Amino acid sequence: MSEEEGEVTSTPDRSLIENAFPLPWDRASKAAGWPAALDELTGQIEASQGRQRALRSADRERLRETLGSMLLGLYALRRADKGRWGYYSRDNNSYGPSEAYAHALVTAHTARTVADWLVAQGLAEQVDGFLDRRVKTFGKGRGKQPRIKATAALQRLLEGRGGVRPENLGHADWTPLIRLKGPAESRGGSKPLLDYPPTDATRRMEREVRELNTFLNSFRVELAPAGRKGLGKSKGLSAVADPVRLYRVFNNACWTHVGRFYGGWWQELPKAKRRHLLIDGEAVIELDFRALHPRLCYQMSGQPLGPMDDPYAFPGMKGVAQRNLVKTALNQLINITPGMHLKTPAGAAKALPQGLSFKELLAQIELAHAPIGNWFRSAREVELQHIDSVIAETILRHFRKAGICCLPVHDSFIVPRSAERLLGWAMLLTYSVALERLGRPGPYPVLAGWSSPKVEAEVMDGLPPP
């Protein structure tokens, strides 16, 4: 056992290793000293190989890019949580031109070379991966990829020689911003990233997301001191300094399934914390579509709900906890596939009225919402998410043209308080136009989060009749 700066390294915690994050290969740094530091380290790793001849320029570039990517990726994970492990592949099949989401210059050989050198230098710890071909999962062997974690020495090295800091970390330009995933191989399993041939549509989306990221990075988005208290360990690198790098994800190998925007560090914050965000020093407002997916189901079924209708209200169920349970159950019914058994959510026993089981609640919800029964147990939530992603795309484009920062959180949006009315109009009108184009006109949606009933009334009074 060794101890360094109060950091104890011993037998790795298995739970942390099991819950490792993929090692990011797309980190970049704008630190002035980083290129020279990387050149020096590349020379050291090259010298350690004991070669009689110097590497060819192309091979040295691959080694340099792999080393830089792994160092910055490990550093980013460590600055998010010093106990965080990453995983990567040492398999040749995980790299190359066919892997659209991998660094073009990284190879399995260079990844192995760099990882092993970092471990030998005390800059990283590593746990070997394994493959057990005897245990079959969908015809393939089951295994784990190697786990790797930065040490305090790596952090000191990058911050000392290279001047790397969280605030000068960014993302490389090569990383794809439009991602296509296949179906999960098992219930609850990860969804594999798929390669796809670029089209005019994917190129347009890629260009728009890249321009959006550039635009959002021109604003200073941060948490006020009150919002940082008690935040604990978040998934983002830094709730203040992590640069914006949104990307869109489509599921089930289908361009009309999901398409939502991910990657914003503010999306990982609890809603109560997002209230403390500042955009260029100005307080924010967050408006969200209330009960968006059930309302979409009703409108797509030709029976739109009225503004006062609450699909999550249920006889005998009162209070926030019980309403949230109905919300969870209703959305689960829309999401699951036919024949899938729904597990009772955590905390449901306390929220359920006495004498009512979760299974009985599901049956009552299905009966109460019979008009949208064709949406239940159909795994069609991905279609609803695609509709809300198209709405989000339009809203974000509108605010970018207006020069106003707008941060997406799937079915809600965050803007400076001074832009509250504009956001309300944009959300209401964009939803209405999107549903009209789908041949399902109806009333305006219901928005939550207004600063006051007066502002809401002013916005609604300024809208054309639906």
Protein backbone atom coordinates (compact mmCIF):
# COMPACT_ATOMS: atom_id res chain seq x y z
CA MET A 1 0.00 0.00 0.00
CA SER A 2 1.23 3.50 -0.84
CA GLU A 3 -0.02 6.87 0.25
CA GLU A 4 0.45 10.05 -1.77
CA GLU A 5 -0.92 13.44 -0.76
CA GLY A 6 -3.53 11.77 1.42
CA GLU A 7 -4.58 9.47 -1.38
CA VAL A 8 -4.46 5.79 -0.50
CA THR A 9 -3.93 3.24 -3.25
CA SER A 10 -4.59 -0.39 -2.38
CA THR A 11 -6.79 -3.16 -3.70
CA PRO A 12 -9.15 -1.44 -6.18
CA ASP A 13 -12.78 -1.05 -5.15
CA ARG A 14 -14.63 -3.56 -7.32
CA SER A 15 -17.82 -1.48 -7.42
CA LEU A 16 -15.92 1.50 -8.83
CA ILE A 17 -14.29 -0.69 -11.45
CA GLU A 18 -17.63 -2.23 -12.42
CA ASN A 19 -19.11 1.25 -12.83
CA ALA A 20 -16.22 2.63 -14.87
CA PHE A 21 -16.77 5.27 -17.56
CA PRO A 22 -15.56 4.95 -21.16
CA LEU A 23 -12.18 6.64 -21.53
CA PRO A 24 -12.81 9.79 -23.60
CA TRP A 25 -10.51 10.01 -26.62
CA ASP A 26 -11.79 13.41 -27.74
CA ARG A 27 -10.38 15.73 -25.08
CA ALA A 28 -8.20 18.66 -26.15
CA SER A 29 -6.47 21.42 -24.21
CA LYS A 30 -5.86 25.04 -25.10
CA ALA A 31 -3.06 25.36 -22.52
CA ALA A 32 -0.10 27.19 -24.07
CA GLY A 33 2.40 24.71 -22.65
CA TRP A 34 0.56 21.55 -23.60
CA PRO A 35 1.99 20.95 -27.13
CA ALA A 36 5.61 21.23 -25.92
CA ALA A 37 4.89 19.04 -22.90
CA LEU A 38 3.28 16.42 -25.12
CA ASP A 39 6.27 16.45 -27.49
CA GLU A 40 8.59 15.88 -24.54
CA LEU A 41 6.52 12.98 -23.19
CA THR A 42 6.26 11.43 -26.65
CA GLY A 43 10.06 11.52 -26.85
CA GLN A 44 10.27 9.77 -23.47
CA ILE A 45 7.91 6.97 -24.43
CA GLU A 46 9.73 6.54 -27.75
CA ALA A 47 13.09 6.36 -25.98
CA SER A 48 11.73 3.75 -23.54
CA GLN A 49 11.13 1.33 -26.42
CA GLY A 50 14.86 0.92 -26.99
CA ARG A 51 14.59 1.29 -30.76
CA GLN A 52 17.73 1.52 -32.89
CA ARG A 53 15.91 3.61 -35.47
CA ALA A 54 13.59 6.51 -34.86
CA LEU A 55 9.91 6.01 -35.56
CA ARG A 56 8.61 7.02 -38.94
CA SER A 57 6.84 10.39 -38.85
CA ALA A 58 3.41 8.79 -39.36
CA ASP A 59 4.01 6.28 -36.54
CA ARG A 60 5.28 9.01 -34.24
CA GLU A 61 2.18 11.11 -34.96
CA ARG A 62 -0.05 8.14 -34.04
CA LEU A 63 1.90 7.62 -30.83
CA ARG A 64 1.74 11.32 -29.97
CA GLU A 65 -2.00 11.56 -30.63
CA THR A 66 -2.71 8.41 -28.62
CA LEU A 67 -0.60 9.61 -25.71
CA GLY A 68 -2.19 13.06 -25.71
CA SER A 69 -5.70 11.69 -25.97
CA MET A 70 -5.21 9.14 -23.18
CA LEU A 71 -3.49 11.63 -20.87
CA LEU A 72 -6.21 14.26 -21.27
CA GLY A 73 -8.96 11.67 -21.05
CA LEU A 74 -7.57 10.28 -17.80
CA TYR A 75 -7.06 13.80 -16.46
CA ALA A 76 -10.67 14.74 -17.24
CA LEU A 77 -11.96 11.64 -15.44
CA ARG A 78 -9.76 12.36 -12.43
CA ARG A 79 -10.82 15.98 -12.16
CA ALA A 80 -14.45 14.84 -12.21
CA ASP A 81 -13.71 12.34 -9.41
CA LYS A 82 -10.20 11.26 -8.38
CA GLY A 83 -11.48 7.72 -7.76
CA ARG A 84 -13.04 7.38 -11.20
CA TRP A 85 -11.90 4.54 -13.48
CA GLY A 86 -12.12 4.56 -17.24
CA TYR A 87 -12.19 1.62 -19.62
CA TYR A 88 -10.72 1.21 -23.09
CA SER A 89 -10.10 -1.57 -25.60
CA ARG A 90 -6.85 -3.32 -26.45
CA ASP A 91 -8.56 -5.15 -29.32
CA ASN A 92 -7.64 -4.36 -32.92
CA ASN A 93 -11.33 -4.54 -33.94
CA SER A 94 -12.15 -1.50 -31.77
CA TYR A 95 -10.12 0.91 -33.88
CA GLY A 96 -9.73 1.86 -37.49
CA PRO A 97 -11.66 3.61 -40.29
CA SER A 98 -14.82 1.54 -39.64
CA GLU A 99 -15.12 2.95 -36.13
CA ALA A 100 -16.80 6.30 -36.66
CA TYR A 101 -16.62 7.22 -32.98
CA ALA A 102 -12.94 6.42 -32.43
CA HIS A 103 -9.92 8.68 -32.90
CA ALA A 104 -8.72 8.12 -36.45
CA LEU A 105 -5.03 7.97 -35.43
CA VAL A 106 -5.41 5.74 -32.35
CA THR A 107 -4.71 2.05 -32.85
CA ALA A 108 -4.90 -0.92 -30.52
CA HIS A 109 -1.10 -1.15 -30.60
CA THR A 110 -0.56 2.49 -29.63
CA ALA A 111 -3.29 2.29 -26.97
CA ARG A 112 -1.59 -0.73 -25.39
CA THR A 113 1.84 0.89 -25.65
CA VAL A 114 0.74 4.15 -24.03
CA ALA A 115 -1.36 2.56 -21.28
CA ASP A 116 1.42 0.19 -20.24
CA TRP A 117 4.00 3.00 -20.24
CA LEU A 118 1.78 5.21 -18.09
CA VAL A 119 1.39 2.39 -15.58
CA ALA A 120 5.15 1.72 -15.57
CA GLN A 121 5.78 5.43 -14.91
CA GLY A 122 3.34 5.53 -12.00
CA LEU A 123 1.06 7.88 -13.89
CA ALA A 124 -1.85 5.42 -14.01
CA GLU A 125 -3.21 2.30 -12.39
CA GLN A 126 -4.66 -0.49 -14.50
CA VAL A 127 -6.80 -3.58 -13.98
CA ASP A 128 -6.58 -6.14 -16.78
CA GLY A 129 -9.65 -7.02 -18.78
CA PHE A 130 -10.77 -10.53 -19.61
CA LEU A 131 -12.86 -12.52 -22.08
CA ASP A 132 -14.61 -15.71 -21.07
CA ARG A 133 -15.71 -17.45 -24.25
CA ARG A 134 -17.51 -20.13 -22.25
CA VAL A 135 -20.14 -17.68 -21.04
CA LYS A 136 -22.21 -16.68 -24.04
CA THR A 137 -24.19 -13.47 -24.34
CA PHE A 138 -26.05 -13.32 -27.64
CA GLY A 139 -23.53 -15.69 -29.19
CA LYS A 140 -20.47 -13.81 -27.97
CA GLY A 141 -18.11 -14.36 -25.10
CA ARG A 142 -18.62 -12.27 -22.00
CA GLY A 143 -15.85 -10.11 -20.66
CA LYS A 144 -14.64 -6.79 -19.32
CA GLN A 145 -12.41 -4.25 -21.00
CA PRO A 146 -9.30 -3.09 -19.10
CA ARG A 147 -9.88 -0.43 -16.45
CA ILE A 148 -7.45 2.45 -16.07
CA LYS A 149 -7.25 5.39 -13.67
CA ALA A 150 -5.01 8.45 -13.42
CA THR A 151 -2.83 8.90 -10.35
CA ALA A 152 -2.00 12.12 -8.51
CA ALA A 153 1.36 12.07 -10.33
CA LEU A 154 -0.40 12.34 -13.71
CA GLN A 155 -2.42 15.31 -12.51
CA ARG A 156 0.71 17.06 -11.22
CA LEU A 157 2.55 16.34 -14.46
CA LEU A 158 -0.13 17.78 -16.73
CA GLU A 159 -0.82 20.80 -14.57
CA GLY A 160 2.89 21.44 -13.97
CA ARG A 161 4.59 20.94 -17.33
CA GLY A 162 1.62 21.44 -19.60
CA GLY A 163 -0.38 24.04 -17.68
CA VAL A 164 -3.48 21.91 -18.21
CA ARG A 165 -6.47 22.94 -16.10
CA PRO A 166 -10.18 22.11 -16.24
CA GLU A 167 -10.91 25.58 -17.58
CA ASN A 168 -8.67 25.09 -20.65
CA LEU A 169 -9.94 21.61 -21.48
CA GLY A 170 -12.13 21.26 -24.53
CA HIS A 171 -13.14 18.71 -27.13
CA ALA A 172 -11.41 17.84 -30.38
CA ASP A 173 -13.07 18.76 -33.66
CA TRP A 174 -13.07 15.21 -35.03
CA THR A 175 -15.56 13.81 -32.50
CA PRO A 176 -18.95 13.00 -34.15
CA LEU A 177 -21.83 15.11 -32.91
CA ILE A 178 -24.49 12.92 -34.50
CA ARG A 179 -24.55 9.45 -32.97
CA LEU A 180 -26.56 6.43 -34.06
CA LYS A 181 -27.11 3.61 -31.59
CA GLY A 182 -28.41 0.10 -32.11
CA PRO A 183 -30.82 -1.75 -29.84
CA ALA A 184 -29.51 -2.98 -26.49
CA GLU A 185 -28.40 -6.60 -26.54
CA SER A 186 -30.19 -7.25 -23.26
CA ARG A 187 -32.72 -5.50 -21.05
CA GLY A 188 -30.99 -2.62 -19.35
CA GLY A 189 -27.81 -3.22 -21.36
CA SER A 190 -25.82 -0.57 -23.18
CA LYS A 191 -26.74 0.35 -26.74
CA PRO A 192 -23.86 -0.05 -29.21
CA LEU A 193 -22.74 2.91 -31.31
CA LEU A 194 -23.19 2.16 -35.01
CA ASP A 195 -21.25 3.34 -38.00
CA TYR A 196 -23.33 5.04 -40.71
CA PRO A 197 -22.67 6.56 -44.13
CA PRO A 198 -22.89 10.38 -44.00
CA THR A 199 -25.87 11.88 -45.81
CA ASP A 200 -26.95 15.44 -46.55
CA ALA A 201 -29.24 15.23 -43.51
CA THR A 202 -26.53 14.01 -41.10
CA ARG A 203 -24.04 16.56 -42.44
CA ARG A 204 -26.61 19.33 -41.90
CA MET A 205 -27.32 18.20 -38.34
CA GLU A 206 -23.60 17.87 -37.61
CA ARG A 207 -22.94 21.38 -38.91
CA GLU A 208 -25.81 22.89 -36.93
CA VAL A 209 -24.78 21.22 -33.66
CA ARG A 210 -21.17 22.32 -34.16
CA GLU A 211 -22.30 25.90 -34.80
CA LEU A 212 -24.59 25.71 -31.78
CA ASN A 213 -21.70 24.59 -29.57
CA THR A 214 -19.51 27.43 -30.82
CA PHE A 215 -22.33 29.87 -30.11
CA LEU A 216 -23.06 28.56 -26.59
CA ASN A 217 -19.36 28.63 -25.71
CA SER A 218 -19.37 32.38 -26.33
CA PHE A 219 -21.38 32.76 -23.10
CA ARG A 220 -20.20 32.27 -19.53
CA VAL A 221 -22.45 29.64 -18.00
CA GLU A 222 -21.78 28.91 -14.34
CA LEU A 223 -23.36 28.08 -11.02
CA ALA A 224 -23.85 30.81 -8.45
CA PRO A 225 -22.16 30.02 -5.11
CA ALA A 226 -25.51 29.00 -3.60
CA GLY A 227 -25.91 26.33 -6.25
CA ARG A 228 -22.50 24.80 -5.65
CA LYS A 229 -23.20 24.03 -1.98
CA GLY A 230 -23.83 20.36 -1.35
CA LEU A 231 -23.48 19.49 -5.02
CA GLY A 232 -21.23 16.51 -4.29
CA LYS A 233 -19.82 14.45 -7.14
CA SER A 234 -21.51 15.19 -10.42
CA LYS A 235 -21.06 13.40 -13.72
CA GLY A 236 -19.69 16.49 -15.43
CA LEU A 237 -16.07 17.52 -15.27
CA SER A 238 -16.86 20.85 -13.66
CA ALA A 239 -20.09 22.63 -12.92
CA VAL A 240 -18.36 25.87 -13.87
CA ALA A 241 -15.59 25.25 -16.38
CA ASP A 242 -16.60 22.27 -18.55
CA PRO A 243 -17.00 23.58 -22.12
CA VAL A 244 -20.23 23.00 -24.01
CA ARG A 245 -20.15 20.03 -26.35
CA LEU A 246 -23.73 19.01 -27.17
CA TYR A 247 -24.38 16.05 -29.44
CA ARG A 248 -27.51 14.29 -30.70
CA VAL A 249 -28.30 10.61 -30.18
CA PHE A 250 -30.62 8.50 -32.32
CA ASN A 251 -31.66 5.01 -31.21
CA ASN A 252 -32.60 1.62 -32.64
CA ALA A 253 -30.56 2.27 -35.81
CA CYS A 254 -33.38 4.62 -36.82
CA TRP A 255 -33.23 8.33 -37.62
CA THR A 256 -36.80 8.88 -36.36
CA HIS A 257 -36.16 7.43 -32.90
CA VAL A 258 -35.06 9.96 -30.25
CA GLY A 259 -32.55 12.53 -31.64
CA ARG A 260 -32.31 14.39 -28.33
CA PHE A 261 -29.45 16.71 -27.39
CA TYR A 262 -27.03 15.34 -24.77
CA GLY A 263 -23.65 16.34 -23.37
CA GLY A 264 -24.47 19.54 -21.49
CA TRP A 265 -23.05 19.47 -17.96
CA TRP A 266 -26.08 21.40 -16.68
CA GLN A 267 -28.28 18.45 -17.73
CA GLU A 268 -26.63 16.38 -14.98
CA LEU A 269 -27.62 18.86 -12.27
CA PRO A 270 -30.79 18.40 -10.17
CA LYS A 271 -33.51 20.80 -11.24
CA ALA A 272 -33.26 22.61 -7.91
CA LYS A 273 -29.58 23.31 -8.65
CA ARG A 274 -30.23 24.53 -12.18
CA ARG A 275 -32.17 27.45 -10.70
CA HIS A 276 -28.81 28.81 -9.51
CA LEU A 277 -27.25 28.93 -12.99
CA LEU A 278 -25.97 32.24 -14.30
CA ILE A 279 -25.60 33.17 -17.95
CA ASP A 280 -23.09 36.00 -18.29
CA GLY A 281 -23.89 36.84 -14.69
CA GLU A 282 -27.67 37.01 -15.20
CA ALA A 283 -30.11 34.76 -13.29
CA VAL A 284 -32.00 32.21 -15.38
CA ILE A 285 -35.50 30.88 -15.87
CA GLU A 286 -36.32 27.29 -16.88
CA LEU A 287 -39.61 26.52 -18.62
CA ASP A 288 -40.67 22.96 -19.34
CA PHE A 289 -43.49 21.24 -21.20
CA ARG A 290 -45.80 19.90 -18.51
CA ALA A 291 -46.73 16.20 -18.98
CA LEU A 292 -45.34 16.42 -22.52
CA HIS A 293 -45.43 12.79 -23.61
CA PRO A 294 -48.93 11.87 -22.38
CA ARG A 295 -50.23 15.08 -23.97
CA LEU A 296 -48.49 14.16 -27.22
CA CYS A 297 -50.09 10.70 -27.09
CA TYR A 298 -53.56 12.20 -26.72
CA GLN A 299 -53.00 14.76 -29.45
CA MET A 300 -51.49 12.17 -31.81
CA SER A 301 -54.59 10.02 -31.12
CA GLY A 302 -56.88 12.88 -32.14
CA GLN A 303 -58.13 13.57 -28.61
CA PRO A 304 -56.02 16.46 -27.31
CA LEU A 305 -56.20 17.29 -23.62
CA GLY A 306 -57.41 20.67 -22.44
CA PRO A 307 -55.06 23.09 -20.66
CA MET A 308 -56.54 22.21 -17.26
CA ASP A 309 -56.33 18.43 -17.75
CA ASP A 310 -53.55 16.71 -15.79
CA PRO A 311 -52.84 13.17 -17.02
CA TYR A 312 -50.88 12.48 -13.83
CA ALA A 313 -53.82 13.34 -11.55
CA PHE A 314 -55.51 10.19 -10.29
CA PRO A 315 -58.40 9.50 -7.90
CA GLY A 316 -57.16 8.75 -4.41
CA MET A 317 -53.61 9.86 -5.24
CA LYS A 318 -52.63 13.19 -3.72
CA GLY A 319 -49.42 15.04 -3.07
CA VAL A 320 -46.15 15.28 -4.96
CA ALA A 321 -44.91 11.75 -4.18
CA GLN A 322 -48.11 10.08 -5.38
CA ARG A 323 -48.36 12.25 -8.50
CA ASN A 324 -44.74 11.40 -9.33
CA LEU A 325 -45.54 7.69 -8.94
CA VAL A 326 -48.43 7.99 -11.40
CA LYS A 327 -46.11 9.91 -13.75
CA THR A 328 -43.47 7.17 -13.54
CA ALA A 329 -46.03 4.40 -14.10
CA LEU A 330 -47.70 6.11 -17.06
CA ASN A 331 -44.42 6.84 -18.81
CA GLN A 332 -43.19 3.31 -18.15
CA LEU A 333 -46.32 1.94 -19.82
CA ILE A 334 -45.52 3.98 -22.92
CA ASN A 335 -41.87 2.90 -22.94
CA ILE A 336 -41.97 -0.86 -22.35
CA THR A 337 -42.22 -3.51 -25.04
CA PRO A 338 -45.13 -5.98 -25.30
CA GLY A 339 -44.92 -8.69 -22.66
CA MET A 340 -42.31 -6.90 -20.57
CA HIS A 341 -42.87 -7.10 -16.83
CA LEU A 342 -42.73 -3.79 -15.00
CA LYS A 343 -40.84 -3.77 -11.72
CA THR A 344 -42.22 -1.78 -8.82
CA PRO A 345 -40.22 1.48 -8.62
CA ALA A 346 -38.17 2.22 -5.53
CA GLY A 347 -40.25 4.04 -2.93
CA ALA A 348 -43.55 2.99 -4.49
CA ALA A 349 -44.68 1.09 -1.39
CA LYS A 350 -44.60 4.27 0.71
CA ALA A 351 -46.35 6.37 -1.93
CA LEU A 352 -49.16 3.93 -2.75
CA PRO A 353 -52.46 4.29 -0.90
CA GLN A 354 -53.07 1.53 1.62
CA GLY A 355 -54.40 -1.63 0.02
CA LEU A 356 -53.33 -0.71 -3.53
CA SER A 357 -50.45 -2.56 -5.20
CA PHE A 358 -48.34 -1.15 -8.02
CA LYS A 359 -49.72 -3.79 -10.38
CA GLU A 360 -53.26 -2.69 -9.53
CA LEU A 361 -52.27 0.95 -10.06
CA LEU A 362 -50.97 0.09 -13.55
CA ALA A 363 -54.27 -1.62 -14.41
CA GLN A 364 -56.25 1.40 -13.21
CA ILE A 365 -54.04 3.79 -15.19
CA GLU A 366 -54.51 1.74 -18.35
CA LEU A 367 -58.28 1.82 -17.82
CA ALA A 368 -58.35 5.56 -17.10
CA HIS A 369 -56.22 6.33 -20.17
CA ALA A 370 -57.91 3.87 -22.53
CA PRO A 371 -58.08 6.50 -25.33
CA ILE A 372 -54.29 6.20 -25.71
CA GLY A 373 -54.14 2.46 -25.03
CA ASN A 374 -52.47 1.87 -28.41
CA TRP A 375 -49.41 3.71 -27.04
CA PHE A 376 -49.06 1.42 -24.03
CA ARG A 377 -46.58 -1.48 -24.02
CA SER A 378 -45.51 -0.49 -27.52
CA ALA A 379 -41.98 0.90 -26.87
CA ARG A 380 -43.05 4.05 -28.73
CA GLU A 381 -41.52 6.53 -26.33
CA VAL A 382 -38.64 6.87 -28.82
CA GLU A 383 -41.14 8.34 -31.32
CA LEU A 384 -42.30 10.90 -28.76
CA GLN A 385 -38.70 11.75 -27.93
CA HIS A 386 -38.06 12.35 -31.62
CA ILE A 387 -40.94 14.83 -31.74
CA ASP A 388 -39.59 16.70 -28.72
CA SER A 389 -36.09 16.65 -30.25
CA VAL A 390 -37.41 18.30 -33.43
CA ILE A 391 -39.12 20.92 -31.28
CA ALA A 392 -35.86 21.46 -29.36
CA GLU A 393 -33.87 21.77 -32.59
CA THR A 394 -36.19 24.52 -33.82
CA ILE A 395 -36.15 26.42 -30.51
CA LEU A 396 -32.35 26.30 -30.27
CA ARG A 397 -31.99 27.50 -33.84
CA HIS A 398 -34.35 30.40 -33.15
CA PHE A 399 -32.41 31.54 -30.07
CA ARG A 400 -29.07 31.21 -31.82
CA LYS A 401 -30.31 33.52 -34.58
CA ALA A 402 -31.57 35.92 -31.91
CA GLY A 403 -28.15 35.90 -30.21
CA ILE A 404 -29.57 34.65 -26.90
CA CYS A 405 -28.13 31.72 -24.93
CA CYS A 406 -30.61 28.84 -24.58
CA LEU A 407 -29.63 25.60 -22.84
CA PRO A 408 -31.65 22.44 -23.60
CA VAL A 409 -32.67 19.84 -21.01
CA HIS A 410 -34.68 17.56 -23.34
CA ASP A 411 -38.23 18.89 -22.72
CA SER A 412 -37.22 22.06 -20.90
CA PHE A 413 -35.06 25.07 -21.73
CA ILE A 414 -32.98 27.51 -19.71
CA VAL A 415 -32.50 31.16 -20.73
CA PRO A 416 -31.60 34.43 -19.01
CA ARG A 417 -34.57 35.79 -17.04
CA SER A 418 -34.84 38.72 -19.45
CA ALA A 419 -35.74 36.24 -22.23
CA GLU A 420 -38.55 34.45 -20.36
CA ARG A 421 -41.37 35.79 -22.53
CA LEU A 422 -39.48 35.02 -25.73
CA LEU A 423 -38.85 31.47 -24.55
CA GLY A 424 -42.52 30.98 -23.69
CA TRP A 425 -43.64 32.17 -27.12
CA ALA A 426 -41.03 30.03 -28.87
CA MET A 427 -41.98 26.85 -26.98
CA LEU A 428 -45.72 27.29 -27.44
CA LEU A 429 -45.59 28.23 -31.11
CA THR A 430 -42.94 25.65 -32.05
CA TYR A 431 -44.96 22.85 -30.44
CA SER A 432 -48.11 24.01 -32.23
CA VAL A 433 -46.41 24.17 -35.64
CA ALA A 434 -44.73 20.76 -35.15
CA LEU A 435 -48.05 19.07 -34.35
CA GLU A 436 -49.81 20.79 -37.25
CA ARG A 437 -47.14 19.44 -39.61
CA LEU A 438 -47.87 15.96 -38.23
CA GLY A 439 -51.54 16.51 -39.06
CA ARG A 440 -52.55 16.74 -35.40
CA PRO A 441 -53.52 20.35 -34.62
CA GLY A 442 -54.87 21.15 -31.18
CA PRO A 443 -54.58 23.45 -28.19
CA TYR A 444 -51.32 24.94 -27.04
CA PRO A 445 -49.27 22.85 -24.61
CA VAL A 446 -48.99 23.66 -20.92
CA LEU A 447 -45.72 25.15 -19.67
CA ALA A 448 -44.44 25.05 -16.11
CA GLY A 449 -41.80 27.19 -14.40
CA TRP A 450 -43.12 30.69 -15.09
CA SER A 451 -41.80 33.41 -12.82
CA SER A 452 -45.37 34.58 -12.20
CA PRO A 453 -48.96 34.01 -13.41
CA LYS A 454 -48.87 37.55 -14.79
CA VAL A 455 -46.00 36.76 -17.18
CA GLU A 456 -47.73 33.55 -18.26
CA ALA A 457 -50.96 35.44 -18.97
CA GLU A 458 -49.14 38.11 -20.97
CA VAL A 459 -47.51 35.45 -23.16
CA MET A 460 -50.73 33.51 -23.69
CA ASP A 461 -52.66 36.70 -24.53
CA GLY A 462 -50.15 37.51 -27.27
CA LEU A 463 -50.59 34.19 -29.09
CA PRO A 464 -52.79 33.63 -32.13
CA PRO A 465 -55.73 31.26 -31.61
CA PRO A 466 -54.61 27.59 -31.82
